[in-house]
C-alpha cells in the first residue's frame, strides 16, 4: 500500500488521532466513506456512459479516443460536482436559472 509498512500506518493513525481527537474521528470517517462512495458512483456512471456511446456508434470492440473520453469525463465530473455544490447553497439554483435565461436572451439579441 504505497510502500507504507504497518509501523508507518500506525504512526500516521496516531498523529491523526492527536490532531483531530477521538470525538471527531467518526465524523471524518463517515465523510471519507461518503466521498469514496460518490467517486465510485461517478466512475460507474462514466463507465456506463462510455459503454452506451460505444453501442450507439456500433463499435463495441473498437477502442474510443482517449482525449475525447477524458474530456467528456472531466466535463461530467465537473458538472456533477458543481451541481452538488450549487444544490447545497440556498438560492443558487434560482441564480443559475436566471443566468441561463440571460444567456439565451443574449444569443437571440446578438
N, C-alpha and C. Protein backbone atom coordinates (compact mmCIF):
# COMPACT_ATOMS: atom_id res chain seq x y z
N UNK A 1 0.84 -1.18 0.00
CA UNK A 1 0.00 0.00 0.00
C UNK A 1 0.88 1.24 0.00
N UNK A 2 1.24 1.74 -1.14
CA UNK A 2 2.03 2.95 -1.32
C UNK A 2 3.40 2.85 -0.64
N UNK A 3 3.90 1.64 -0.44
CA UNK A 3 5.21 1.48 0.18
C UNK A 3 5.21 1.75 1.67
N UNK A 4 4.05 1.80 2.29
CA UNK A 4 3.96 2.04 3.73
C UNK A 4 3.84 0.72 4.46
N UNK A 5 4.61 0.59 5.53
CA UNK A 5 4.52 -0.59 6.36
C UNK A 5 3.51 -0.40 7.47
N UNK A 6 3.39 -1.41 8.28
CA UNK A 6 2.44 -1.36 9.39
C UNK A 6 2.83 -0.27 10.38
N UNK A 7 4.11 -0.14 10.66
CA UNK A 7 4.56 0.86 11.63
C UNK A 7 4.24 2.27 11.15
N UNK A 8 4.46 2.55 9.87
CA UNK A 8 4.17 3.88 9.35
C UNK A 8 2.68 4.20 9.41
N UNK A 9 1.86 3.21 9.10
CA UNK A 9 0.40 3.42 9.14
C UNK A 9 -0.05 3.69 10.57
N UNK A 10 0.52 2.99 11.54
CA UNK A 10 0.16 3.20 12.94
C UNK A 10 0.58 4.61 13.38
N UNK A 11 1.75 5.04 12.97
CA UNK A 11 2.22 6.39 13.33
C UNK A 11 1.30 7.44 12.72
N UNK A 12 0.92 7.27 11.46
CA UNK A 12 0.00 8.21 10.81
C UNK A 12 -1.34 8.23 11.53
N UNK A 13 -1.86 7.06 11.91
CA UNK A 13 -3.13 6.99 12.63
C UNK A 13 -3.05 7.70 13.97
N UNK A 14 -1.93 7.54 14.68
CA UNK A 14 -1.77 8.24 15.97
C UNK A 14 -1.70 9.75 15.80
N UNK A 15 -1.00 10.19 14.77
CA UNK A 15 -0.93 11.64 14.51
C UNK A 15 -2.32 12.19 14.21
N UNK A 16 -3.09 11.48 13.39
CA UNK A 16 -4.45 11.91 13.08
C UNK A 16 -5.31 11.93 14.34
N UNK A 17 -5.13 10.93 15.19
CA UNK A 17 -5.88 10.88 16.45
C UNK A 17 -5.54 12.08 17.33
N UNK A 18 -4.26 12.44 17.43
CA UNK A 18 -3.87 13.58 18.25
C UNK A 18 -4.36 14.90 17.67
N UNK A 19 -4.33 15.01 16.35
CA UNK A 19 -4.73 16.28 15.71
C UNK A 19 -6.23 16.50 15.83
N UNK A 20 -7.02 15.50 15.48
CA UNK A 20 -8.47 15.69 15.42
C UNK A 20 -9.20 15.26 16.68
N UNK A 21 -8.64 14.40 17.46
CA UNK A 21 -9.31 13.94 18.67
C UNK A 21 -10.25 12.78 18.39
N UNK A 22 -10.54 12.04 19.44
CA UNK A 22 -11.35 10.83 19.30
C UNK A 22 -12.81 11.14 18.97
N UNK A 23 -13.30 12.31 19.36
CA UNK A 23 -14.71 12.62 19.13
C UNK A 23 -15.00 12.93 17.67
N UNK A 24 -14.02 13.48 16.95
CA UNK A 24 -14.26 13.87 15.55
C UNK A 24 -13.92 12.76 14.57
N UNK A 25 -13.23 11.71 14.99
CA UNK A 25 -12.83 10.65 14.06
C UNK A 25 -14.01 9.95 13.38
N UNK A 26 -15.11 9.65 14.08
CA UNK A 26 -16.24 9.04 13.37
C UNK A 26 -16.81 9.94 12.27
N UNK A 27 -16.87 11.25 12.53
CA UNK A 27 -17.36 12.18 11.51
C UNK A 27 -16.43 12.20 10.31
N UNK A 28 -15.14 12.21 10.58
CA UNK A 28 -14.16 12.20 9.49
C UNK A 28 -14.27 10.92 8.69
N UNK A 29 -14.42 9.81 9.39
CA UNK A 29 -14.56 8.51 8.71
C UNK A 29 -15.81 8.44 7.85
N UNK A 30 -16.92 8.94 8.36
CA UNK A 30 -18.15 8.89 7.57
C UNK A 30 -18.06 9.82 6.36
N UNK A 31 -17.44 10.99 6.54
CA UNK A 31 -17.24 11.90 5.42
C UNK A 31 -16.35 11.29 4.36
N UNK A 32 -15.30 10.60 4.80
CA UNK A 32 -14.40 9.93 3.85
C UNK A 32 -15.14 8.81 3.13
N UNK A 33 -15.95 8.06 3.86
CA UNK A 33 -16.73 6.99 3.23
C UNK A 33 -17.71 7.52 2.19
N UNK A 34 -18.38 8.62 2.49
CA UNK A 34 -19.30 9.22 1.53
C UNK A 34 -18.56 9.70 0.29
N UNK A 35 -17.38 10.24 0.49
CA UNK A 35 -16.59 10.70 -0.65
C UNK A 35 -16.19 9.53 -1.54
N UNK A 36 -15.74 8.45 -0.93
CA UNK A 36 -15.35 7.27 -1.71
C UNK A 36 -16.56 6.70 -2.45
N UNK A 37 -17.73 6.65 -1.80
CA UNK A 37 -18.93 6.16 -2.47
C UNK A 37 -19.32 7.05 -3.64
N UNK A 38 -19.22 8.36 -3.45
CA UNK A 38 -19.58 9.31 -4.51
C UNK A 38 -18.64 9.16 -5.71
N UNK A 39 -17.36 8.99 -5.44
CA UNK A 39 -16.39 8.79 -6.53
C UNK A 39 -16.69 7.48 -7.25
N UNK A 40 -17.06 6.45 -6.51
CA UNK A 40 -17.43 5.17 -7.14
C UNK A 40 -18.64 5.31 -8.03
N UNK A 41 -19.65 6.08 -7.58
CA UNK A 41 -20.83 6.31 -8.40
C UNK A 41 -20.49 7.04 -9.68
N UNK A 42 -19.64 8.06 -9.56
CA UNK A 42 -19.24 8.83 -10.74
C UNK A 42 -18.49 7.94 -11.71
N UNK A 43 -17.61 7.10 -11.19
CA UNK A 43 -16.85 6.18 -12.05
C UNK A 43 -17.79 5.22 -12.77
N UNK A 44 -18.78 4.70 -12.04
CA UNK A 44 -19.74 3.77 -12.64
C UNK A 44 -20.56 4.47 -13.72
N UNK A 45 -20.98 5.71 -13.44
CA UNK A 45 -21.74 6.48 -14.43
C UNK A 45 -20.92 6.72 -15.69
N UNK A 46 -19.65 7.07 -15.51
CA UNK A 46 -18.79 7.32 -16.67
C UNK A 46 -18.59 6.05 -17.48
N UNK A 47 -18.43 4.92 -16.80
CA UNK A 47 -18.27 3.65 -17.50
C UNK A 47 -19.53 3.30 -18.28
N UNK A 48 -20.69 3.51 -17.66
CA UNK A 48 -21.95 3.22 -18.35
C UNK A 48 -22.15 4.16 -19.54
N UNK A 49 -21.78 5.44 -19.38
CA UNK A 49 -21.88 6.39 -20.48
C UNK A 49 -21.00 5.97 -21.65
N UNK A 50 -19.78 5.53 -21.34
CA UNK A 50 -18.84 5.12 -22.38
C UNK A 50 -19.37 3.89 -23.12
N UNK A 51 -19.93 2.94 -22.36
CA UNK A 51 -20.48 1.73 -22.99
C UNK A 51 -21.68 2.06 -23.87
N UNK A 52 -22.55 2.96 -23.39
CA UNK A 52 -23.73 3.31 -24.19
C UNK A 52 -23.33 4.07 -25.45
N UNK A 53 -22.28 4.89 -25.37
CA UNK A 53 -21.80 5.60 -26.57
C UNK A 53 -21.23 4.61 -27.58
N UNK A 54 -20.50 3.62 -27.10
CA UNK A 54 -19.93 2.62 -28.00
C UNK A 54 -21.04 1.81 -28.67
N UNK A 55 -22.08 1.47 -27.93
CA UNK A 55 -23.19 0.72 -28.52
C UNK A 55 -23.92 1.56 -29.56
N UNK A 56 -24.07 2.86 -29.26
CA UNK A 56 -24.75 3.74 -30.20
C UNK A 56 -23.95 3.90 -31.49
N UNK A 57 -22.63 3.91 -31.38
CA UNK A 57 -21.79 4.04 -32.56
C UNK A 57 -21.65 2.73 -33.31
N UNK A 58 -21.93 1.63 -32.65
CA UNK A 58 -21.85 0.33 -33.30
C UNK A 58 -20.49 -0.30 -33.23
N UNK A 59 -19.50 0.32 -32.57
CA UNK A 59 -18.19 -0.30 -32.44
C UNK A 59 -17.99 -0.73 -31.00
N UNK A 60 -18.55 -1.86 -30.64
CA UNK A 60 -18.38 -2.35 -29.29
C UNK A 60 -16.97 -2.87 -29.06
N UNK A 61 -16.27 -3.27 -30.12
CA UNK A 61 -14.91 -3.77 -29.97
C UNK A 61 -13.87 -2.69 -30.18
N UNK A 62 -14.25 -1.57 -30.77
CA UNK A 62 -13.28 -0.51 -31.07
C UNK A 62 -12.93 0.26 -29.80
N UNK A 63 -11.70 0.70 -29.74
CA UNK A 63 -11.22 1.48 -28.61
C UNK A 63 -11.53 2.95 -28.86
N UNK A 64 -12.24 3.65 -27.95
CA UNK A 64 -12.56 5.06 -28.18
C UNK A 64 -11.32 5.92 -28.05
N UNK A 65 -11.40 7.13 -28.61
CA UNK A 65 -10.29 8.07 -28.49
C UNK A 65 -10.16 8.50 -27.04
N UNK A 66 -8.94 8.45 -26.53
CA UNK A 66 -8.75 8.76 -25.11
C UNK A 66 -8.96 10.23 -24.83
N UNK A 67 -8.56 11.09 -25.75
CA UNK A 67 -8.69 12.52 -25.47
C UNK A 67 -10.16 12.93 -25.35
N UNK A 68 -11.02 12.41 -26.23
CA UNK A 68 -12.42 12.79 -26.15
C UNK A 68 -13.09 12.16 -24.93
N UNK A 69 -12.72 10.94 -24.59
CA UNK A 69 -13.30 10.29 -23.42
C UNK A 69 -12.83 11.00 -22.15
N UNK A 70 -11.54 11.35 -22.10
CA UNK A 70 -11.04 12.06 -20.94
C UNK A 70 -11.69 13.43 -20.81
N UNK A 71 -11.87 14.12 -21.93
CA UNK A 71 -12.51 15.42 -21.90
C UNK A 71 -13.95 15.33 -21.43
N UNK A 72 -14.66 14.33 -21.93
CA UNK A 72 -16.05 14.13 -21.50
C UNK A 72 -16.10 13.75 -20.03
N UNK A 73 -15.15 12.93 -19.59
CA UNK A 73 -15.12 12.52 -18.19
C UNK A 73 -14.88 13.72 -17.28
N UNK A 74 -13.94 14.57 -17.66
CA UNK A 74 -13.65 15.75 -16.85
C UNK A 74 -14.86 16.67 -16.81
N UNK A 75 -15.49 16.89 -17.98
CA UNK A 75 -16.68 17.74 -18.01
C UNK A 75 -17.80 17.15 -17.16
N UNK A 76 -17.98 15.84 -17.25
CA UNK A 76 -19.03 15.18 -16.49
C UNK A 76 -18.79 15.32 -14.99
N UNK A 77 -17.56 15.09 -14.57
CA UNK A 77 -17.24 15.20 -13.15
C UNK A 77 -17.42 16.63 -12.67
N UNK A 78 -16.96 17.59 -13.47
CA UNK A 78 -17.11 18.99 -13.08
C UNK A 78 -18.59 19.36 -12.97
N UNK A 79 -19.40 18.91 -13.91
CA UNK A 79 -20.84 19.22 -13.85
C UNK A 79 -21.49 18.60 -12.63
N UNK A 80 -21.15 17.34 -12.33
CA UNK A 80 -21.76 16.68 -11.18
C UNK A 80 -21.36 17.33 -9.87
N UNK A 81 -20.09 17.68 -9.76
CA UNK A 81 -19.62 18.32 -8.52
C UNK A 81 -20.22 19.70 -8.38
N UNK A 82 -20.25 20.47 -9.47
CA UNK A 82 -20.82 21.82 -9.37
C UNK A 82 -22.31 21.77 -9.07
N UNK A 83 -23.03 20.83 -9.66
CA UNK A 83 -24.46 20.70 -9.36
C UNK A 83 -24.68 20.31 -7.90
N UNK A 84 -23.83 19.43 -7.37
CA UNK A 84 -23.96 19.02 -5.98
C UNK A 84 -23.67 20.20 -5.05
N UNK A 85 -22.62 20.96 -5.34
CA UNK A 85 -22.27 22.10 -4.50
C UNK A 85 -23.33 23.19 -4.62
N UNK A 86 -23.76 23.47 -5.85
CA UNK A 86 -24.76 24.51 -6.05
C UNK A 86 -26.10 24.14 -5.40
N UNK A 87 -26.40 22.87 -5.33
CA UNK A 87 -27.64 22.43 -4.70
C UNK A 87 -27.65 22.67 -3.21
N UNK A 88 -26.47 22.79 -2.62
CA UNK A 88 -26.38 22.98 -1.17
C UNK A 88 -26.40 24.45 -0.77
N UNK A 89 -26.24 25.36 -1.73
CA UNK A 89 -26.24 26.79 -1.43
C UNK A 89 -27.64 27.34 -1.65
N UNK A 90 -28.23 27.95 -0.62
CA UNK A 90 -29.60 28.47 -0.77
C UNK A 90 -29.67 29.57 -1.84
N UNK A 91 -30.64 29.47 -2.73
CA UNK A 91 -30.87 30.48 -3.75
C UNK A 91 -29.99 30.36 -4.97
N UNK A 92 -29.04 29.45 -4.96
CA UNK A 92 -28.10 29.35 -6.08
C UNK A 92 -28.78 28.75 -7.32
N UNK A 93 -29.74 27.87 -7.13
CA UNK A 93 -30.44 27.28 -8.28
C UNK A 93 -31.19 28.37 -9.05
N UNK A 94 -31.82 29.28 -8.33
CA UNK A 94 -32.53 30.37 -8.99
C UNK A 94 -31.56 31.27 -9.76
N UNK A 95 -30.40 31.54 -9.16
CA UNK A 95 -29.41 32.37 -9.84
C UNK A 95 -28.92 31.67 -11.11
N UNK A 96 -28.70 30.37 -11.03
CA UNK A 96 -28.25 29.61 -12.20
C UNK A 96 -29.31 29.63 -13.30
N UNK A 97 -30.58 29.49 -12.93
CA UNK A 97 -31.66 29.54 -13.91
C UNK A 97 -31.74 30.91 -14.58
N UNK A 98 -31.62 31.96 -13.79
CA UNK A 98 -31.66 33.32 -14.34
C UNK A 98 -30.50 33.55 -15.29
N UNK A 99 -29.32 33.07 -14.93
CA UNK A 99 -28.16 33.23 -15.81
C UNK A 99 -28.37 32.49 -17.12
N UNK A 100 -28.95 31.28 -17.06
CA UNK A 100 -29.21 30.52 -18.29
C UNK A 100 -30.20 31.27 -19.18
N UNK A 101 -31.24 31.86 -18.59
CA UNK A 101 -32.20 32.63 -19.37
C UNK A 101 -31.55 33.87 -19.97
N UNK A 102 -30.68 34.52 -19.20
CA UNK A 102 -29.99 35.71 -19.71
C UNK A 102 -29.08 35.35 -20.88
N UNK A 103 -28.42 34.20 -20.78
CA UNK A 103 -27.56 33.75 -21.89
C UNK A 103 -28.38 33.47 -23.14
N UNK A 104 -29.57 32.88 -22.98
CA UNK A 104 -30.45 32.63 -24.14
C UNK A 104 -30.86 33.93 -24.79
N UNK A 105 -31.25 34.90 -23.97
CA UNK A 105 -31.66 36.20 -24.49
C UNK A 105 -30.49 36.88 -25.21
N UNK A 106 -29.30 36.77 -24.63
CA UNK A 106 -28.11 37.36 -25.23
C UNK A 106 -27.85 36.74 -26.62
N UNK A 107 -28.04 35.43 -26.75
CA UNK A 107 -27.85 34.77 -28.05
C UNK A 107 -28.88 35.25 -29.06
N UNK A 108 -30.12 35.43 -28.61
CA UNK A 108 -31.18 35.87 -29.52
C UNK A 108 -30.93 37.31 -29.99
N UNK A 109 -30.49 38.18 -29.08
CA UNK A 109 -30.27 39.58 -29.41
C UNK A 109 -29.07 39.74 -30.34
N UNK A 110 -28.01 38.99 -30.11
CA UNK A 110 -26.80 39.19 -30.93
C UNK A 110 -26.78 38.37 -32.19
